[in-house]
């Protein structure tokens, strides 16, 4: 029972965070007078791509100390 409550709470927190950052926008499209209200969800679109670039990577040299005997 606790696990179910934790999952419901976590889902609610994630939904609020997504709404806060503007990833999900939920608007009521029909008032809920006698009928059940309807909602329209506008979800952000994500586009991904690749790009080739030449990047200079620093090198590192390690000088080991001599025998300290």
PDB file of N, CA and C in Angstrom:
ATOM      1  N   UNK A   1       0.824  -1.192   0.000  1.00  0.00           N
ATOM      2  CA  UNK A   1       0.000   0.000   0.000  1.00  0.00           C
ATOM      3  C   UNK A   1       0.873   1.263   0.000  1.00  0.00           C
ATOM      4  N   UNK A   2       1.929   1.227   0.795  1.00  0.00           N
ATOM      5  CA  UNK A   2       2.825   2.389   0.831  1.00  0.00           C
ATOM      6  C   UNK A   2       3.510   2.602  -0.510  1.00  0.00           C
ATOM      7  N   UNK A   3       3.889   1.495  -1.150  1.00  0.00           N
ATOM      8  CA  UNK A   3       4.565   1.600  -2.441  1.00  0.00           C
ATOM      9  C   UNK A   3       3.653   2.257  -3.471  1.00  0.00           C
ATOM     10  N   UNK A   4       2.379   1.909  -3.449  1.00  0.00           N
ATOM     11  CA  UNK A   4       1.419   2.515  -4.379  1.00  0.00           C
ATOM     12  C   UNK A   4       1.272   4.004  -4.107  1.00  0.00           C
ATOM     13  N   UNK A   5       1.213   4.386  -2.850  1.00  0.00           N
ATOM     14  CA  UNK A   5       1.113   5.809  -2.504  1.00  0.00           C
ATOM     15  C   UNK A   5       2.374   6.562  -2.903  1.00  0.00           C
ATOM     16  N   UNK A   6       3.525   5.937  -2.741  1.00  0.00           N
ATOM     17  CA  UNK A   6       4.782   6.567  -3.142  1.00  0.00           C
ATOM     18  C   UNK A   6       4.817   6.767  -4.650  1.00  0.00           C
ATOM     19  N   UNK A   7       4.368   5.770  -5.419  1.00  0.00           N
ATOM     20  CA  UNK A   7       4.340   5.893  -6.873  1.00  0.00           C
ATOM     21  C   UNK A   7       3.375   6.972  -7.338  1.00  0.00           C
ATOM     22  N   UNK A   8       2.215   7.056  -6.724  1.00  0.00           N
ATOM     23  CA  UNK A   8       1.242   8.098  -7.079  1.00  0.00           C
ATOM     24  C   UNK A   8       1.804   9.475  -6.735  1.00  0.00           C
ATOM     25  N   UNK A   9       2.438   9.600  -5.581  1.00  0.00           N
ATOM     26  CA  UNK A   9       3.044  10.867  -5.191  1.00  0.00           C
ATOM     27  C   UNK A   9       4.176  11.263  -6.117  1.00  0.00           C
ATOM     28  N   UNK A  10       5.000  10.311  -6.509  1.00  0.00           N
ATOM     29  CA  UNK A  10       6.102  10.576  -7.419  1.00  0.00           C
ATOM     30  C   UNK A  10       5.589  11.002  -8.789  1.00  0.00           C
ATOM     31  N   UNK A  11       4.533  10.352  -9.263  1.00  0.00           N
ATOM     32  CA  UNK A  11       3.935  10.731 -10.554  1.00  0.00           C
ATOM     33  C   UNK A  11       3.376  12.144 -10.486  1.00  0.00           C
ATOM     34  N   UNK A  12       2.773  12.519  -9.370  1.00  0.00           N
ATOM     35  CA  UNK A  12       2.233  13.870  -9.210  1.00  0.00           C
ATOM     36  C   UNK A  12       3.352  14.909  -9.201  1.00  0.00           C
ATOM     37  N   UNK A  13       4.452  14.608  -8.537  1.00  0.00           N
ATOM     38  CA  UNK A  13       5.590  15.539  -8.494  1.00  0.00           C
ATOM     39  C   UNK A  13       6.193  15.707  -9.885  1.00  0.00           C
ATOM     40  N   UNK A  14       6.320  14.613 -10.628  1.00  0.00           N
ATOM     41  CA  UNK A  14       6.867  14.689 -11.989  1.00  0.00           C
ATOM     42  C   UNK A  14       5.943  15.503 -12.881  1.00  0.00           C
ATOM     43  N   UNK A  15       4.630  15.302 -12.783  1.00  0.00           N
ATOM     44  CA  UNK A  15       3.672  16.060 -13.586  1.00  0.00           C
ATOM     45  C   UNK A  15       3.752  17.553 -13.277  1.00  0.00           C
ATOM     46  N   UNK A  16       3.851  17.906 -12.017  1.00  0.00           N
ATOM     47  CA  UNK A  16       3.962  19.317 -11.636  1.00  0.00           C
ATOM     48  C   UNK A  16       5.264  19.913 -12.159  1.00  0.00           C
ATOM     49  N   UNK A  17       6.350  19.167 -12.096  1.00  0.00           N
ATOM     50  CA  UNK A  17       7.642  19.660 -12.598  1.00  0.00           C
ATOM     51  C   UNK A  17       7.591  19.872 -14.109  1.00  0.00           C
ATOM     52  N   UNK A  18       6.982  18.943 -14.837  1.00  0.00           N
ATOM     53  CA  UNK A  18       6.863  19.093 -16.290  1.00  0.00           C
ATOM     54  C   UNK A  18       6.003  20.300 -16.648  1.00  0.00           C
ATOM     55  N   UNK A  19       4.956  20.545 -15.890  1.00  0.00           N
ATOM     56  CA  UNK A  19       4.111  21.720 -16.135  1.00  0.00           C
ATOM     57  C   UNK A  19       4.870  23.003 -15.794  1.00  0.00           C
ATOM     58  N   UNK A  20       5.682  22.979 -14.740  1.00  0.00           N
ATOM     59  CA  UNK A  20       6.437  24.152 -14.334  1.00  0.00           C
ATOM     60  C   UNK A  20       7.446  24.571 -15.399  1.00  0.00           C
ATOM     61  N   UNK A  21       8.130  23.594 -16.009  1.00  0.00           N
ATOM     62  CA  UNK A  21       9.132  23.894 -17.026  1.00  0.00           C
ATOM     63  C   UNK A  21       8.525  24.084 -18.415  1.00  0.00           C
ATOM     64  N   UNK A  22       7.236  23.988 -18.548  1.00  0.00           N
ATOM     65  CA  UNK A  22       6.570  24.259 -19.816  1.00  0.00           C
ATOM     66  C   UNK A  22       6.640  23.125 -20.815  1.00  0.00           C
ATOM     67  N   UNK A  23       6.980  21.939 -20.380  1.00  0.00           N
ATOM     68  CA  UNK A  23       7.035  20.798 -21.283  1.00  0.00           C
ATOM     69  C   UNK A  23       5.621  20.300 -21.557  1.00  0.00           C
ATOM     70  N   UNK A  24       4.739  20.395 -20.572  1.00  0.00           N
ATOM     71  CA  UNK A  24       3.341  20.004 -20.739  1.00  0.00           C
ATOM     72  C   UNK A  24       2.463  21.198 -20.380  1.00  0.00           C
ATOM     73  N   UNK A  25       1.482  21.464 -21.220  1.00  0.00           N
ATOM     74  CA  UNK A  25       0.524  22.535 -20.967  1.00  0.00           C
ATOM     75  C   UNK A  25      -0.867  21.941 -21.086  1.00  0.00           C
ATOM     76  N   UNK A  26      -1.643  21.936 -20.007  1.00  0.00           N
ATOM     77  CA  UNK A  26      -2.971  21.341 -20.002  1.00  0.00           C
ATOM     78  C   UNK A  26      -3.997  22.459 -19.856  1.00  0.00           C
ATOM     79  N   UNK A  27      -4.905  22.548 -20.844  1.00  0.00           N
ATOM     80  CA  UNK A  27      -5.957  23.563 -20.835  1.00  0.00           C
ATOM     81  C   UNK A  27      -7.319  22.884 -20.847  1.00  0.00           C
ATOM     82  N   UNK A  28      -8.277  23.443 -20.106  1.00  0.00           N
ATOM     83  CA  UNK A  28      -9.640  22.924 -20.115  1.00  0.00           C
ATOM     84  C   UNK A  28     -10.357  23.523 -21.314  1.00  0.00           C
ATOM     85  N   UNK A  29     -10.850  22.659 -22.219  1.00  0.00           N
ATOM     86  CA  UNK A  29     -11.448  23.145 -23.460  1.00  0.00           C
ATOM     87  C   UNK A  29     -12.966  23.238 -23.388  1.00  0.00           C
ATOM     88  N   UNK A  30     -13.603  22.552 -22.455  1.00  0.00           N
ATOM     89  CA  UNK A  30     -15.048  22.623 -22.288  1.00  0.00           C
ATOM     90  C   UNK A  30     -15.345  22.678 -20.796  1.00  0.00           C
ATOM     91  N   UNK A  31     -16.163  23.636 -20.362  1.00  0.00           N
ATOM     92  CA  UNK A  31     -16.430  23.737 -18.923  1.00  0.00           C
ATOM     93  C   UNK A  31     -17.181  22.512 -18.413  1.00  0.00           C
ATOM     94  N   UNK A  32     -16.936  22.161 -17.191  1.00  0.00           N
ATOM     95  CA  UNK A  32     -17.562  20.983 -16.592  1.00  0.00           C
ATOM     96  C   UNK A  32     -18.835  21.324 -15.859  1.00  0.00           C
ATOM     97  N   UNK A  33     -19.870  21.760 -16.572  1.00  0.00           N
ATOM     98  CA  UNK A  33     -21.126  22.127 -15.933  1.00  0.00           C
ATOM     99  C   UNK A  33     -21.944  20.872 -15.661  1.00  0.00           C
ATOM    100  N   UNK A  34     -22.514  20.261 -16.688  1.00  0.00           N
ATOM    101  CA  UNK A  34     -23.288  19.040 -16.523  1.00  0.00           C
ATOM    102  C   UNK A  34     -22.502  17.853 -17.059  1.00  0.00           C
ATOM    103  N   UNK A  35     -21.764  18.089 -18.104  1.00  0.00           N
ATOM    104  CA  UNK A  35     -20.972  17.029 -18.711  1.00  0.00           C
ATOM    105  C   UNK A  35     -19.584  17.003 -18.086  1.00  0.00           C
ATOM    106  N   UNK A  36     -18.908  15.926 -18.324  1.00  0.00           N
ATOM    107  CA  UNK A  36     -17.521  15.839 -17.855  1.00  0.00           C
ATOM    108  C   UNK A  36     -16.670  16.819 -18.662  1.00  0.00           C
ATOM    109  N   UNK A  37     -15.784  17.547 -18.024  1.00  0.00           N
ATOM    110  CA  UNK A  37     -14.942  18.497 -18.763  1.00  0.00           C
ATOM    111  C   UNK A  37     -13.970  17.761 -19.689  1.00  0.00           C
ATOM    112  N   UNK A  38     -13.612  18.411 -20.762  1.00  0.00           N
ATOM    113  CA  UNK A  38     -12.597  17.849 -21.655  1.00  0.00           C
ATOM    114  C   UNK A  38     -11.340  18.692 -21.536  1.00  0.00           C
ATOM    115  N   UNK A  39     -10.221  18.062 -21.757  1.00  0.00           N
ATOM    116  CA  UNK A  39      -8.933  18.735 -21.651  1.00  0.00           C
ATOM    117  C   UNK A  39      -8.131  18.496 -22.911  1.00  0.00           C
ATOM    118  N   UNK A  40      -7.301  19.446 -23.263  1.00  0.00           N
ATOM    119  CA  UNK A  40      -6.395  19.316 -24.393  1.00  0.00           C
ATOM    120  C   UNK A  40      -4.981  19.497 -23.852  1.00  0.00           C
ATOM    121  N   UNK A  41      -4.129  18.530 -24.114  1.00  0.00           N
ATOM    122  CA  UNK A  41      -2.747  18.590 -23.638  1.00  0.00           C
ATOM    123  C   UNK A  41      -1.830  18.969 -24.796  1.00  0.00           C
ATOM    124  N   UNK A  42      -1.055  20.025 -24.619  1.00  0.00           N
ATOM    125  CA  UNK A  42      -0.085  20.458 -25.613  1.00  0.00           C
ATOM    126  C   UNK A  42       1.290  20.070 -25.091  1.00  0.00           C
ATOM    127  N   UNK A  43       1.896  19.071 -25.719  1.00  0.00           N
ATOM    128  CA  UNK A  43       3.154  18.510 -25.249  1.00  0.00           C
ATOM    129  C   UNK A  43       4.292  19.029 -26.122  1.00  0.00           C
ATOM    130  N   UNK A  44       5.423  19.320 -25.511  1.00  0.00           N
ATOM    131  CA  UNK A  44       6.583  19.840 -26.237  1.00  0.00           C
ATOM    132  C   UNK A  44       7.094  18.820 -27.242  1.00  0.00           C
ATOM    133  N   UNK A  45       7.631  19.307 -28.356  1.00  0.00           N
ATOM    134  CA  UNK A  45       8.212  18.440 -29.375  1.00  0.00           C
ATOM    135  C   UNK A  45       9.728  18.491 -29.256  1.00  0.00           C
ATOM    136  N   UNK A  46      10.340  17.339 -29.299  1.00  0.00           N
ATOM    137  CA  UNK A  46      11.787  17.239 -29.155  1.00  0.00           C
ATOM    138  C   UNK A  46      12.366  16.710 -30.460  1.00  0.00           C
ATOM    139  N   UNK A  47      13.331  17.410 -30.987  1.00  0.00           N
ATOM    140  CA  UNK A  47      14.004  16.976 -32.207  1.00  0.00           C
ATOM    141  C   UNK A  47      15.476  16.763 -31.883  1.00  0.00           C
ATOM    142  N   UNK A  48      16.006  15.647 -32.353  1.00  0.00           N
ATOM    143  CA  UNK A  48      17.406  15.340 -32.085  1.00  0.00           C
ATOM    144  C   UNK A  48      18.127  15.133 -33.408  1.00  0.00           C
ATOM    145  N   UNK A  49      19.378  15.452 -33.428  1.00  0.00           N
ATOM    146  CA  UNK A  49      20.189  15.265 -34.618  1.00  0.00           C
ATOM    147  C   UNK A  49      21.643  15.062 -34.231  1.00  0.00           C
ATOM    148  N   UNK A  50      22.454  14.811 -35.236  1.00  0.00           N
ATOM    149  CA  UNK A  50      23.881  14.640 -34.992  1.00  0.00           C
ATOM    150  C   UNK A  50      24.649  15.657 -35.810  1.00  0.00           C
ATOM    151  N   UNK A  51      25.841  15.920 -35.378  1.00  0.00           N
ATOM    152  CA  UNK A  51      26.686  16.902 -36.038  1.00  0.00           C
ATOM    153  C   UNK A  51      28.134  16.478 -35.849  1.00  0.00           C
ATOM    154  N   UNK A  52      28.921  16.540 -36.911  1.00  0.00           N
ATOM    155  CA  UNK A  52      30.330  16.173 -36.809  1.00  0.00           C
ATOM    156  C   UNK A  52      31.163  17.423 -36.557  1.00  0.00           C
ATOM    157  N   UNK A  53      32.034  17.349 -35.547  1.00  0.00           N
ATOM    158  CA  UNK A  53      32.919  18.457 -35.209  1.00  0.00           C
ATOM    159  C   UNK A  53      34.289  17.908 -34.853  1.00  0.00           C
ATOM    160  N   UNK A  54      35.309  18.730 -35.047  1.00  0.00           N
ATOM    161  CA  UNK A  54      36.659  18.385 -34.630  1.00  0.00           C
ATOM    162  C   UNK A  54      36.930  19.097 -33.312  1.00  0.00           C
ATOM    163  N   UNK A  55      37.296  18.314 -32.321  1.00  0.00           N
ATOM    164  CA  UNK A  55      37.509  18.857 -30.981  1.00  0.00           C
ATOM    165  C   UNK A  55      38.945  18.552 -30.568  1.00  0.00           C
ATOM    166  N   UNK A  56      39.633  19.559 -30.038  1.00  0.00           N
ATOM    167  CA  UNK A  56      40.982  19.365 -29.525  1.00  0.00           C
ATOM    168  C   UNK A  56      40.886  18.822 -28.105  1.00  0.00           C
ATOM    169  N   UNK A  57      41.493  17.683 -27.889  1.00  0.00           N
ATOM    170  CA  UNK A  57      41.451  17.036 -26.583  1.00  0.00           C
ATOM    171  C   UNK A  57      42.811  17.208 -25.926  1.00  0.00           C
ATOM    172  N   UNK A  58      42.840  17.690 -24.677  1.00  0.00           N
ATOM    173  CA  UNK A  58      44.127  17.885 -24.008  1.00  0.00           C
ATOM    174  C   UNK A  58      44.798  16.544 -23.702  1.00  0.00           C
ATOM    175  N   UNK A  59      46.116  16.560 -23.701  1.00  0.00           N
ATOM    176  CA  UNK A  59      46.875  15.362 -23.344  1.00  0.00           C
ATOM    177  C   UNK A  59      47.467  15.551 -21.955  1.00  0.00           C
ATOM    178  N   UNK A  60      47.817  14.431 -21.328  1.00  0.00           N
ATOM    179  CA  UNK A  60      48.367  14.509 -19.984  1.00  0.00           C
ATOM    180  C   UNK A  60      49.570  13.588 -19.904  1.00  0.00           C
ATOM    181  N   UNK A  61      50.675  14.105 -19.400  1.00  0.00           N
ATOM    182  CA  UNK A  61      51.887  13.320 -19.207  1.00  0.00           C
ATOM    183  C   UNK A  61      52.130  13.174 -17.698  1.00  0.00           C
ATOM    184  N   UNK A  62      52.538  11.982 -17.298  1.00  0.00           N
ATOM    185  CA  UNK A  62      52.819  11.731 -15.886  1.00  0.00           C
ATOM    186  C   UNK A  62      54.295  11.378 -15.758  1.00  0.00           C
ATOM    187  N   UNK A  63      55.017  12.143 -14.941  1.00  0.00           N
ATOM    188  CA  UNK A  63      56.411  11.863 -14.652  1.00  0.00           C
ATOM    189  C   UNK A  63      56.472  11.156 -13.311  1.00  0.00           C
ATOM    190  N   UNK A  64      56.910   9.894 -13.332  1.00  0.00           N
ATOM    191  CA  UNK A  64      57.015   9.128 -12.082  1.00  0.00           C
ATOM    192  C   UNK A  64      58.257   9.575 -11.328  1.00  0.00           C
ATOM    193  N   UNK A  65      58.149   9.679 -10.023  1.00  0.00           N
ATOM    194  CA  UNK A  65      59.335  10.066  -9.243  1.00  0.00           C
ATOM    195  C   UNK A  65      60.337   8.923  -9.228  1.00  0.00           C
ATOM    196  N   UNK A  66      61.596   9.264  -9.017  1.00  0.00           N
ATOM    197  CA  UNK A  66      62.632   8.236  -8.927  1.00  0.00           C
ATOM    198  C   UNK A  66      62.485   7.438  -7.639  1.00  0.00           C
ATOM    199  N   UNK A  67      63.342   6.426  -7.482  1.00  0.00           N
ATOM    200  CA  UNK A  67      63.292   5.632  -6.248  1.00  0.00           C
ATOM    201  C   UNK A  67      63.669   6.514  -5.063  1.00  0.00           C
ATOM    202  N   UNK A  68      62.850   6.474  -4.034  1.00  0.00           N
ATOM    203  CA  UNK A  68      63.074   7.304  -2.842  1.00  0.00           C
ATOM    204  C   UNK A  68      63.726   6.501  -1.725  1.00  0.00           C
ATOM    205  N   UNK A  69      64.493   5.468  -2.031  1.00  0.00           N
ATOM    206  CA  UNK A  69      65.137   4.642  -1.009  1.00  0.00           C
ATOM    207  C   UNK A  69      66.281   5.334  -0.406  1.00  0.00           C
TER     208      UNK A  69
END
